[in-house]
Amino acid sequence: MTSAEPARPAVPRAREVQASVLAAFQLVEDARYLGIDRRPRRRRVRAMAERAIADRKLARDLRAS
C-alpha cells in the first residue's frame, strides 16, 4: 500500500447499516408520535383505557355465551 491509497477500515461496515436502520425506525416512531392526529396525553391514555375496557367486556360476553 502506498500513501496515495486510502486506508481500509479495520471494522466491517455493518455498524453503519445498523445505525441507518435504527435511524429509520426512530423517524417512523417520531412521525407516529408527532403525527397530524396528535392528541393530548390525557386523551390518548383515556382512549387506550376505554379500548381495554371494551375488549374485556367483549371477552367476558364471548365466554358467557
Protein backbone atom coordinates (compact mmCIF):
# COMPACT_ATOMS: atom_id res chain seq x y z
CA MET A 1 0.00 0.00 0.00
CA THR A 2 1.30 3.43 -0.89
CA SER A 3 0.44 6.68 0.81
CA ALA A 4 -1.79 7.59 -2.17
CA GLU A 5 -4.19 4.72 -1.45
CA PRO A 6 -6.92 5.26 1.17
CA ALA A 7 -6.68 3.15 4.29
CA ARG A 8 -9.19 0.34 4.57
CA PRO A 9 -11.43 0.39 7.60
CA ALA A 10 -10.48 -2.15 10.25
CA VAL A 11 -14.14 -2.76 11.20
CA PRO A 12 -16.78 -4.03 8.77
CA ARG A 13 -19.42 -1.53 7.73
CA ALA A 14 -22.31 -3.49 9.26
CA ARG A 15 -22.44 -0.96 12.08
CA GLU A 16 -23.28 1.86 9.63
CA VAL A 17 -26.15 -0.14 8.17
CA GLN A 18 -27.42 -0.89 11.63
CA ALA A 19 -27.33 2.80 12.50
CA SER A 20 -29.33 3.57 9.35
CA VAL A 21 -31.97 1.02 10.32
CA LEU A 22 -32.18 2.47 13.82
CA ALA A 23 -32.43 5.99 12.43
CA ALA A 24 -35.23 4.95 10.07
CA PHE A 25 -37.08 3.25 12.92
CA GLN A 26 -36.73 6.39 15.04
CA LEU A 27 -38.11 8.53 12.21
CA VAL A 28 -41.13 6.25 11.93
CA GLU A 29 -41.73 6.38 15.67
CA ASP A 30 -41.33 10.15 15.74
CA ALA A 31 -43.78 10.53 12.85
CA ARG A 32 -46.27 8.30 14.63
CA TYR A 33 -45.98 10.24 17.88
CA LEU A 34 -45.83 13.71 16.34
CA GLY A 35 -48.31 12.97 13.56
CA ILE A 36 -51.20 15.08 12.37
CA ASP A 37 -53.59 13.34 14.76
CA ARG A 38 -51.62 14.25 17.85
CA ARG A 39 -53.86 14.37 20.89
CA PRO A 40 -53.04 15.47 24.39
CA ARG A 41 -51.59 12.70 26.53
CA ARG A 42 -54.63 12.56 28.80
CA ARG A 43 -56.95 11.90 25.82
CA ARG A 44 -54.63 9.20 24.45
CA VAL A 45 -54.50 7.47 27.84
CA ARG A 46 -58.27 7.67 28.18
CA ALA A 47 -58.79 6.23 24.69
CA MET A 48 -56.46 3.31 25.48
CA ALA A 49 -58.29 2.67 28.76
CA GLU A 50 -61.67 2.73 27.01
CA ARG A 51 -60.38 0.26 24.42
CA ALA A 52 -59.10 -2.05 27.16
CA ILE A 53 -62.47 -1.97 28.94
CA ALA A 54 -64.32 -2.68 25.70
CA ASP A 55 -62.00 -5.62 24.98
CA ARG A 56 -62.58 -7.06 28.46
CA LYS A 57 -66.36 -6.71 28.13
CA LEU A 58 -66.28 -8.43 24.75
CA ALA A 59 -64.13 -11.28 26.09
CA ARG A 60 -66.46 -11.68 29.07
CA ASP A 61 -69.56 -11.72 26.82
CA LEU A 62 -67.97 -14.27 24.49
CA ARG A 63 -67.13 -16.56 27.40
CA ALA A 64 -70.67 -16.21 28.80
CA SER A 65 -72.34 -17.21 25.51
